[in-house]
Amino acid sequence: MTATTTTQTETRSRKTTVADFDFDNSEPTKLALGGPQYPDIQTIKNAIPAHCFEQPVWRSMSYLFRDVTMIAVLGWAGMTYIPLIENTYARTAAWIAYGYVQGLVCTGLWILAHECGHGAFSANQRFNDFIGWASHSALMVPYFSWKFSHHRHHRFTGHMEKDMAFVPATAADRNKPRLSNLYMDHELFEDVPIVQLVKLLAHQLAGWQMYLMFNVTAGKASKQRESAGWLRVSHFEPTSAVFRTNEALFIAISDLGLAITMGFLYLLSRSAGWQGVFLLYVVPYMWVHHWLVAITYLHHNHPDVPHFEAESWTFVKGALATVDRDFGFIGKHLFHGIIDTHVVHHLFPRLPFYNAEEATEAIKPMLGPLYHRESRSFIGQLWETWTTCQYVEQDPDVPGTLKWATKTKQ
């Protein structure tokens, strides 16, 4: 079964405001250089019922209360009852189950903090930032650092130079010596399953941390100023080249949140031991960021999804270069629909997640094949996408557009 799509064309004027979208809208619209015609953002917005943009704080807080309660109950149960299991195998199985389930629930909390960063949690941005900072800090995420770089990812999604996340390699890039291939010929490795599996595991286990430390997968023109070296692009450093000078204080506040969480973990170790901290906190932390890397990667990598050179890129084209996917009950309820309704989220980041499904259904008829949805297995597609979508090349039919050079499975 292939990805499903549906189509139509509309006029291309641009009538948005900064308040609608969370980004600097000063860049002028560029005319398409061939290929499909894209509707303007106001036309898309007009198709969505007005109530979908409402942000009742009580509703957002109810999801926050639910997730925090589940996290607290799971943590208390894990610390209280699992150590009492005498059989080693049964106790190990219980810890494995705990880590997996707690990771799922904590991913939901991560996503609610993500809503705060976009201003979708409530109409009060200071309140959003407090909730987001507290929630992300508890998960060892530098809230404001992530918020600033993530906004720029949304601002330039699909832009081959300025996007902040998952900018693909080009045909020229893959021929360059790279650490991931031990500086050897890429053709020696790219079709070896065990090598690809090791790379994928490293991507899932360390991709988030590498992004925070070294700004990996970001476009070459995504930095706010020139860096003094490859170490000066960290999300933890107030003077990092990833951020503007006036954002330095907020980066420091992000670091303060992480320091407070580390202090609580130290206090927890005094009663539960460092092994207890590892089982109660570190294992779920690894699960959370595995899910976040997988979700983000699969939203922006698919054989049907293009990328754009600077001359042909526009906000709408970039926002529609994303994919909705399906992760069943977990995706819809524990992950707050972030997997299922990512396209409309990229178009309107301040639209609350609990209205995103209705908004998606409203815009699908007018978008037609510009809307991308993949209905096959979410986890299964991680391996297939990883091994087939390896680099992009010029689309000969649409100037300024790059398409995935996928390999045909034998």
Protein backbone atom coordinates (compact mmCIF):
# COMPACT_ATOMS: atom_id res chain seq x y z
CA MET A 1 0.00 0.00 0.00
CA THR A 2 1.50 3.35 -0.95
CA ALA A 3 1.27 6.72 0.69
CA THR A 4 -2.13 8.24 0.08
CA THR A 5 -2.47 11.73 -1.36
CA THR A 6 -5.30 14.12 -2.57
CA THR A 7 -5.14 17.82 -4.92
CA GLN A 8 -5.96 21.18 -6.07
CA THR A 9 -4.45 24.50 -6.91
CA GLU A 10 -5.16 27.92 -5.52
CA THR A 11 -3.78 31.42 -5.88
CA ARG A 12 -0.37 32.22 -4.43
CA SER A 13 -0.61 35.55 -2.65
CA ARG A 14 0.69 35.71 0.92
CA LYS A 15 -1.46 37.33 3.60
CA THR A 16 -0.15 35.95 6.88
CA THR A 17 0.93 37.73 10.00
CA VAL A 18 3.65 36.90 12.48
CA ALA A 19 1.00 36.19 15.10
CA ASP A 20 -0.39 33.36 13.02
CA PHE A 21 2.77 31.38 12.66
CA ASP A 22 5.54 31.90 15.17
CA PHE A 23 8.22 33.10 12.79
CA ASP A 24 9.67 36.15 11.08
CA ASN A 25 7.56 36.55 7.95
CA SER A 26 9.72 39.27 6.37
CA GLU A 27 11.03 37.18 3.47
CA PRO A 28 9.16 37.98 0.24
CA THR A 29 7.23 35.31 -1.62
CA LYS A 30 9.09 33.66 -4.50
CA LEU A 31 7.26 32.51 -7.59
CA ALA A 32 7.26 28.79 -8.28
CA LEU A 33 9.71 27.73 -11.00
CA GLY A 34 7.49 25.03 -12.45
CA GLY A 35 5.84 21.98 -10.97
CA PRO A 36 2.69 21.98 -8.82
CA GLN A 37 1.09 25.25 -7.75
CA TYR A 38 0.70 25.81 -4.03
CA PRO A 39 -2.18 27.62 -2.32
CA ASP A 40 -1.27 30.64 -0.21
CA ILE A 41 -1.34 30.27 3.56
CA GLN A 42 -4.42 32.43 4.06
CA THR A 43 -6.43 30.29 1.65
CA ILE A 44 -5.45 27.20 3.62
CA LYS A 45 -6.31 28.88 6.91
CA ASN A 46 -9.73 29.91 5.64
CA ALA A 47 -10.61 26.24 5.10
CA ILE A 48 -10.18 25.50 8.82
CA PRO A 49 -13.05 26.20 11.25
CA ALA A 50 -12.18 29.20 13.43
CA HIS A 51 -12.72 27.31 16.68
CA CYS A 52 -9.79 25.02 15.85
CA PHE A 53 -7.43 27.90 16.69
CA GLU A 54 -8.90 28.45 20.16
CA GLN A 55 -6.61 27.54 23.09
CA PRO A 56 -8.65 26.93 26.27
CA VAL A 57 -6.03 26.65 28.99
CA TRP A 58 -8.15 24.29 31.09
CA ARG A 59 -8.11 21.71 28.32
CA SER A 60 -4.35 21.89 27.85
CA MET A 61 -3.84 21.69 31.62
CA SER A 62 -6.03 18.59 31.81
CA TYR A 63 -3.62 16.76 29.49
CA LEU A 64 -0.67 18.03 31.51
CA PHE A 65 -2.26 16.86 34.76
CA ARG A 66 -3.00 13.47 33.21
CA ASP A 67 0.54 12.94 31.97
CA VAL A 68 2.25 14.16 35.14
CA THR A 69 -0.02 11.95 37.26
CA MET A 70 0.78 8.88 35.16
CA ILE A 71 4.51 9.63 35.34
CA ALA A 72 4.38 10.05 39.12
CA VAL A 73 2.34 6.88 39.67
CA LEU A 74 4.61 4.82 37.41
CA GLY A 75 7.72 6.17 39.14
CA TRP A 76 6.32 5.51 42.60
CA ALA A 77 5.21 1.99 41.65
CA GLY A 78 8.57 1.23 40.05
CA MET A 79 10.54 2.43 43.06
CA THR A 80 8.22 0.78 45.59
CA TYR A 81 7.28 -2.59 44.15
CA ILE A 82 9.74 -3.72 41.47
CA PRO A 83 12.69 -4.07 43.90
CA LEU A 84 10.53 -6.43 45.99
CA ILE A 85 10.29 -8.99 43.16
CA GLU A 86 12.58 -11.82 44.23
CA ASN A 87 13.00 -13.64 40.93
CA THR A 88 15.80 -11.98 38.96
CA TYR A 89 14.25 -12.63 35.56
CA ALA A 90 10.83 -11.39 36.62
CA ARG A 91 12.37 -8.29 38.20
CA THR A 92 14.38 -7.59 35.03
CA ALA A 93 11.28 -7.99 32.89
CA ALA A 94 9.40 -5.60 35.18
CA TRP A 95 12.12 -2.96 34.84
CA ILE A 96 12.13 -3.35 31.06
CA ALA A 97 8.36 -2.93 30.94
CA TYR A 98 8.56 0.06 33.29
CA GLY A 99 11.21 1.79 31.16
CA TYR A 100 9.21 1.30 27.98
CA VAL A 101 5.86 2.48 29.38
CA GLN A 102 7.36 5.39 31.30
CA GLY A 103 9.19 6.40 28.13
CA LEU A 104 5.90 6.52 26.24
CA VAL A 105 4.20 8.66 28.88
CA CYS A 106 7.20 10.99 29.23
CA THR A 107 7.20 11.44 25.46
CA GLY A 108 3.67 12.78 25.86
CA LEU A 109 4.95 15.31 28.41
CA TRP A 110 7.75 16.25 25.99
CA ILE A 111 5.13 16.94 23.32
CA LEU A 112 3.05 19.12 25.65
CA ALA A 113 6.18 21.20 26.32
CA HIS A 114 6.58 21.35 22.55
CA GLU A 115 3.07 22.84 22.41
CA CYS A 116 4.19 25.45 24.94
CA GLY A 117 7.19 26.37 22.81
CA HIS A 118 4.92 27.09 19.85
CA GLY A 119 2.41 29.08 21.87
CA ALA A 120 -0.29 26.46 21.33
CA PHE A 121 -0.74 25.49 25.00
CA SER A 122 -2.50 28.73 26.01
CA ALA A 123 -2.88 32.33 24.85
CA ASN A 124 -0.36 33.54 27.48
CA GLN A 125 3.19 32.99 26.24
CA ARG A 126 4.80 33.62 29.65
CA PHE A 127 2.64 30.88 31.11
CA ASN A 128 3.51 28.65 28.15
CA ASP A 129 7.22 29.27 28.68
CA PHE A 130 7.02 28.48 32.40
CA ILE A 131 5.17 25.20 31.80
CA GLY A 132 7.43 24.32 28.88
CA TRP A 133 10.63 25.18 30.78
CA ALA A 134 9.58 23.14 33.84
CA SER A 135 8.42 20.15 31.76
CA HIS A 136 11.38 20.06 29.40
CA SER A 137 13.88 20.65 32.20
CA ALA A 138 12.46 17.64 34.02
CA LEU A 139 13.24 15.61 30.90
CA MET A 140 16.76 17.11 30.58
CA VAL A 141 15.81 19.17 27.54
CA PRO A 142 17.13 22.78 27.31
CA TYR A 143 13.74 24.39 26.70
CA PHE A 144 14.59 27.83 25.33
CA SER A 145 17.56 26.52 23.35
CA TRP A 146 15.33 23.94 21.71
CA LYS A 147 12.53 26.49 21.26
CA PHE A 148 14.69 28.94 19.31
CA SER A 149 16.29 26.38 17.02
CA HIS A 150 12.99 24.53 16.56
CA HIS A 151 11.23 27.73 15.52
CA ARG A 152 13.85 28.18 12.82
CA HIS A 153 13.29 24.62 11.70
CA HIS A 154 9.61 25.50 11.26
CA ARG A 155 10.46 28.79 9.60
CA PHE A 156 12.66 27.09 6.99
CA THR A 157 11.34 23.53 6.74
CA GLY A 158 12.53 21.89 3.53
CA HIS A 159 15.08 24.63 2.82
CA MET A 160 18.37 22.98 1.79
CA GLU A 161 20.48 25.68 3.42
CA LYS A 162 18.54 27.12 6.37
CA ASP A 163 16.50 24.25 7.80
CA MET A 164 17.65 23.31 11.30
CA ALA A 165 16.86 19.59 11.20
CA PHE A 166 17.35 16.62 8.87
CA VAL A 167 18.74 18.47 5.88
CA PRO A 168 19.53 15.55 3.53
CA ALA A 169 22.82 14.82 1.85
CA THR A 170 23.18 15.60 -1.84
CA ALA A 171 24.88 13.44 -4.45
CA ALA A 172 28.00 15.60 -4.04
CA ASP A 173 27.93 15.29 -0.23
CA ARG A 174 27.86 11.52 -0.21
CA ASN A 175 31.11 11.37 -2.18
CA LYS A 176 32.97 13.34 0.50
CA PRO A 177 34.98 11.47 3.18
CA ARG A 178 32.83 11.25 6.32
CA LEU A 179 33.32 9.95 9.85
CA SER A 180 30.16 7.83 9.54
CA ASN A 181 31.92 5.83 6.80
CA LEU A 182 35.32 5.90 8.54
CA TYR A 183 36.46 8.23 5.74
CA MET A 184 36.24 5.39 3.23
CA ASP A 185 34.28 4.97 0.00
CA HIS A 186 30.57 5.12 0.86
CA GLU A 187 29.78 2.39 -1.67
CA LEU A 188 31.62 -0.09 0.54
CA PHE A 189 29.01 0.38 3.27
CA GLU A 190 25.69 1.73 2.04
CA ASP A 191 24.24 -1.64 1.01
CA VAL A 192 25.56 -3.70 3.95
CA PRO A 193 22.57 -4.39 6.27
CA ILE A 194 24.64 -4.78 9.46
CA VAL A 195 26.39 -1.47 8.83
CA GLN A 196 23.08 0.28 8.21
CA LEU A 197 21.64 -1.29 11.37
CA VAL A 198 24.54 -0.03 13.49
CA LYS A 199 24.15 3.43 11.98
CA LEU A 200 20.42 3.43 12.63
CA LEU A 201 20.91 2.37 16.25
CA ALA A 202 23.46 5.14 16.74
CA HIS A 203 21.04 7.57 15.11
CA GLN A 204 18.25 6.56 17.49
CA LEU A 205 20.32 6.36 20.66
CA ALA A 206 22.54 9.42 20.22
CA GLY A 207 20.94 11.54 17.48
CA TRP A 208 19.22 13.92 19.89
CA GLN A 209 22.34 14.46 21.97
CA MET A 210 24.47 15.02 18.85
CA TYR A 211 21.99 17.62 17.65
CA LEU A 212 22.15 19.47 20.98
CA MET A 213 25.93 19.33 21.18
CA PHE A 214 27.03 19.76 17.57
CA ASN A 215 23.96 20.98 15.61
CA VAL A 216 24.13 17.89 13.38
CA THR A 217 21.78 17.60 10.37
CA ALA A 218 21.29 21.40 10.28
CA GLY A 219 21.71 23.33 7.04
CA LYS A 220 25.01 25.07 6.32
CA ALA A 221 23.36 28.51 6.48
CA SER A 222 21.26 27.81 9.59
CA LYS A 223 23.59 29.44 12.13
CA GLN A 224 22.88 32.99 13.28
CA ARG A 225 26.54 34.02 13.01
CA GLU A 226 29.92 32.54 12.21
CA SER A 227 31.21 30.08 14.80
CA ALA A 228 34.73 30.08 16.19
CA GLY A 229 34.91 26.31 15.78
CA TRP A 230 32.88 23.14 15.57
CA LEU A 231 32.45 23.13 19.36
CA ARG A 232 30.75 26.55 19.32
CA VAL A 233 27.42 25.31 18.00
CA SER A 234 26.11 23.73 21.20
CA HIS A 235 22.56 24.25 22.45
CA PHE A 236 23.98 24.61 25.97
CA GLU A 237 26.33 27.55 25.37
CA PRO A 238 24.80 31.05 25.66
CA THR A 239 27.26 32.42 23.08
CA SER A 240 26.69 29.57 20.62
CA ALA A 241 26.55 30.49 16.93
CA VAL A 242 23.17 28.74 16.76
CA PHE A 243 21.59 31.65 18.65
CA ARG A 244 21.30 35.40 18.41
CA THR A 245 23.12 37.56 20.97
CA ASN A 246 19.85 38.65 22.63
CA GLU A 247 18.92 35.00 23.25
CA ALA A 248 21.93 34.29 25.48
CA LEU A 249 20.08 34.89 28.78
CA PHE A 250 17.40 32.38 27.84
CA ILE A 251 20.02 29.76 26.98
CA ALA A 252 21.45 30.26 30.47
CA ILE A 253 17.96 29.84 31.97
CA SER A 254 17.66 26.58 30.03
CA ASP A 255 20.94 25.42 31.56
CA LEU A 256 19.68 26.39 35.01
CA GLY A 257 16.66 24.12 34.52
CA LEU A 258 18.95 21.21 33.65
CA ALA A 259 21.10 21.90 36.72
CA ILE A 260 18.01 21.82 38.97
CA THR A 261 16.96 18.46 37.51
CA MET A 262 20.46 17.07 38.00
CA GLY A 263 20.26 18.19 41.62
CA PHE A 264 17.00 16.28 42.09
CA LEU A 265 18.54 13.20 40.48
CA TYR A 266 21.44 13.42 42.91
CA LEU A 267 19.01 13.55 45.83
CA LEU A 268 17.15 10.57 44.37
CA SER A 269 20.42 8.64 44.18
CA ARG A 270 20.86 9.09 47.93
CA SER A 271 17.80 6.95 48.54
CA ALA A 272 17.51 4.77 45.42
CA GLY A 273 21.19 4.52 44.48
CA TRP A 274 22.64 5.30 41.07
CA GLN A 275 21.40 1.99 39.73
CA GLY A 276 17.90 3.04 40.79
CA VAL A 277 18.33 6.41 39.07
CA PHE A 278 19.43 4.60 35.90
CA LEU A 279 16.40 2.31 35.92
CA LEU A 280 13.86 4.90 37.05
CA TYR A 281 15.05 7.85 34.95
CA VAL A 282 17.84 7.18 32.45
CA VAL A 283 16.18 4.25 30.67
CA PRO A 284 12.90 6.17 30.12
CA TYR A 285 14.98 9.18 29.05
CA MET A 286 16.61 7.07 26.32
CA TRP A 287 13.21 5.80 25.20
CA VAL A 288 11.80 9.34 25.05
CA HIS A 289 14.53 10.63 22.79
CA HIS A 290 14.46 7.52 20.66
CA TRP A 291 10.81 8.29 19.97
CA LEU A 292 11.44 11.99 19.33
CA VAL A 293 14.24 11.26 16.86
CA ALA A 294 12.12 8.63 15.07
CA ILE A 295 9.07 10.89 14.92
CA THR A 296 10.98 13.88 13.58
CA TYR A 297 13.00 11.81 11.12
CA LEU A 298 9.94 10.10 9.65
CA HIS A 299 8.03 13.37 9.39
CA HIS A 300 10.66 14.80 7.05
CA ASN A 301 11.97 11.80 5.15
CA HIS A 302 9.81 9.96 2.62
CA PRO A 303 10.25 9.12 -1.09
CA ASP A 304 7.34 11.43 -1.99
CA VAL A 305 8.56 14.45 0.00
CA PRO A 306 10.79 17.01 -1.79
CA HIS A 307 13.33 19.54 -0.56
CA PHE A 308 13.97 22.94 -2.09
CA GLU A 309 16.83 25.18 -3.09
CA ALA A 310 16.74 28.75 -1.82
CA GLU A 311 15.48 30.20 -5.11
CA SER A 312 12.33 28.09 -5.19
CA TRP A 313 11.61 27.56 -1.48
CA THR A 314 8.57 29.17 0.19
CA PHE A 315 7.10 28.65 3.64
CA VAL A 316 4.04 26.79 2.32
CA LYS A 317 6.12 24.51 0.10
CA GLY A 318 8.37 23.65 3.04
CA ALA A 319 5.48 23.09 5.46
CA LEU A 320 3.82 20.73 3.00
CA ALA A 321 7.08 18.81 2.56
CA THR A 322 6.18 16.79 5.66
CA VAL A 323 4.35 13.50 6.21
CA ASP A 324 1.48 12.44 8.45
CA ARG A 325 1.84 8.88 9.71
CA ASP A 326 -0.10 6.48 11.92
CA PHE A 327 1.02 4.98 15.24
CA GLY A 328 -2.34 3.72 16.45
CA PHE A 329 -3.45 4.18 20.04
CA ILE A 330 -0.01 5.28 21.23
CA GLY A 331 0.30 7.99 18.61
CA LYS A 332 -3.19 9.35 19.03
CA HIS A 333 -3.52 9.24 22.81
CA LEU A 334 -0.10 9.07 24.49
CA PHE A 335 1.76 11.10 21.85
CA HIS A 336 -1.08 13.64 21.49
CA GLY A 337 -1.47 13.10 17.76
CA ILE A 338 1.90 14.58 16.83
CA ILE A 339 2.58 11.68 14.43
CA ASP A 340 -0.86 11.76 12.80
CA THR A 341 -1.27 15.52 12.21
CA HIS A 342 2.19 16.94 11.58
CA VAL A 343 1.39 18.62 8.25
CA VAL A 344 -1.19 21.00 9.71
CA HIS A 345 1.14 21.59 12.66
CA HIS A 346 3.83 22.84 10.28
CA LEU A 347 1.35 25.11 8.56
CA PHE A 348 -0.11 26.49 11.81
CA PRO A 349 2.19 25.79 14.80
CA ARG A 350 -0.09 27.61 17.24
CA LEU A 351 -3.09 25.41 16.46
CA PRO A 352 -3.62 23.17 19.54
CA PHE A 353 -2.96 19.47 19.04
CA TYR A 354 -6.46 18.46 20.16
CA ASN A 355 -7.95 20.33 17.19
CA ALA A 356 -5.35 19.21 14.66
CA GLU A 357 -7.28 16.18 13.41
CA GLU A 358 -10.34 18.27 12.54
CA ALA A 359 -8.12 20.90 10.90
CA THR A 360 -6.32 18.23 8.87
CA GLU A 361 -9.57 16.86 7.51
CA ALA A 362 -10.63 20.40 6.58
CA ILE A 363 -7.54 21.14 4.46
CA LYS A 364 -7.03 17.76 2.77
CA PRO A 365 -9.56 18.29 -0.06
CA MET A 366 -7.96 21.55 -1.18
CA LEU A 367 -4.37 20.31 -0.88
CA GLY A 368 -4.89 17.14 -2.90
CA PRO A 369 -1.57 15.42 -3.71
CA LEU A 370 0.30 18.22 -1.94
CA TYR A 371 -0.81 16.50 1.27
CA HIS A 372 1.22 13.42 2.18
CA ARG A 373 0.13 10.61 4.46
CA GLU A 374 1.82 7.26 4.99
CA SER A 375 -0.46 4.52 6.31
CA ARG A 376 2.06 1.71 6.58
CA SER A 377 3.73 0.61 9.83
CA PHE A 378 5.40 3.53 11.62
CA ILE A 379 8.26 1.42 13.02
CA GLY A 380 8.55 -0.67 9.88
CA GLN A 381 8.97 2.46 7.80
CA LEU A 382 11.89 3.58 9.97
CA TRP A 383 14.12 0.84 8.57
CA GLU A 384 12.86 1.16 4.99
CA THR A 385 13.22 4.93 4.96
CA TRP A 386 16.69 4.76 6.52
CA THR A 387 17.99 2.31 3.91
CA THR A 388 16.38 3.86 0.82
CA CYS A 389 16.23 7.64 1.36
CA GLN A 390 19.96 8.28 1.52
CA TYR A 391 20.48 11.41 -0.56
CA VAL A 392 18.63 13.87 -2.79
CA GLU A 393 19.21 14.91 -6.38
CA GLN A 394 17.81 17.52 -8.75
CA ASP A 395 14.31 16.84 -10.01
CA PRO A 396 14.67 17.19 -13.80
CA ASP A 397 10.99 18.13 -14.14
CA VAL A 398 10.86 20.85 -11.44
CA PRO A 399 13.78 23.34 -11.29
CA GLY A 400 14.89 24.18 -7.77
CA THR A 401 13.36 21.02 -6.31
CA LEU A 402 15.33 18.04 -5.04
CA LYS A 403 13.85 14.56 -4.79
CA TRP A 404 15.04 11.45 -3.00
CA ALA A 405 17.23 9.14 -5.08
CA THR A 406 15.72 5.94 -3.72
CA LYS A 407 16.98 2.52 -4.60
CA THR A 408 14.73 -0.20 -5.92
CA LYS A 409 14.55 -3.19 -3.63
CA GLN A 410 15.57 -6.44 -5.34
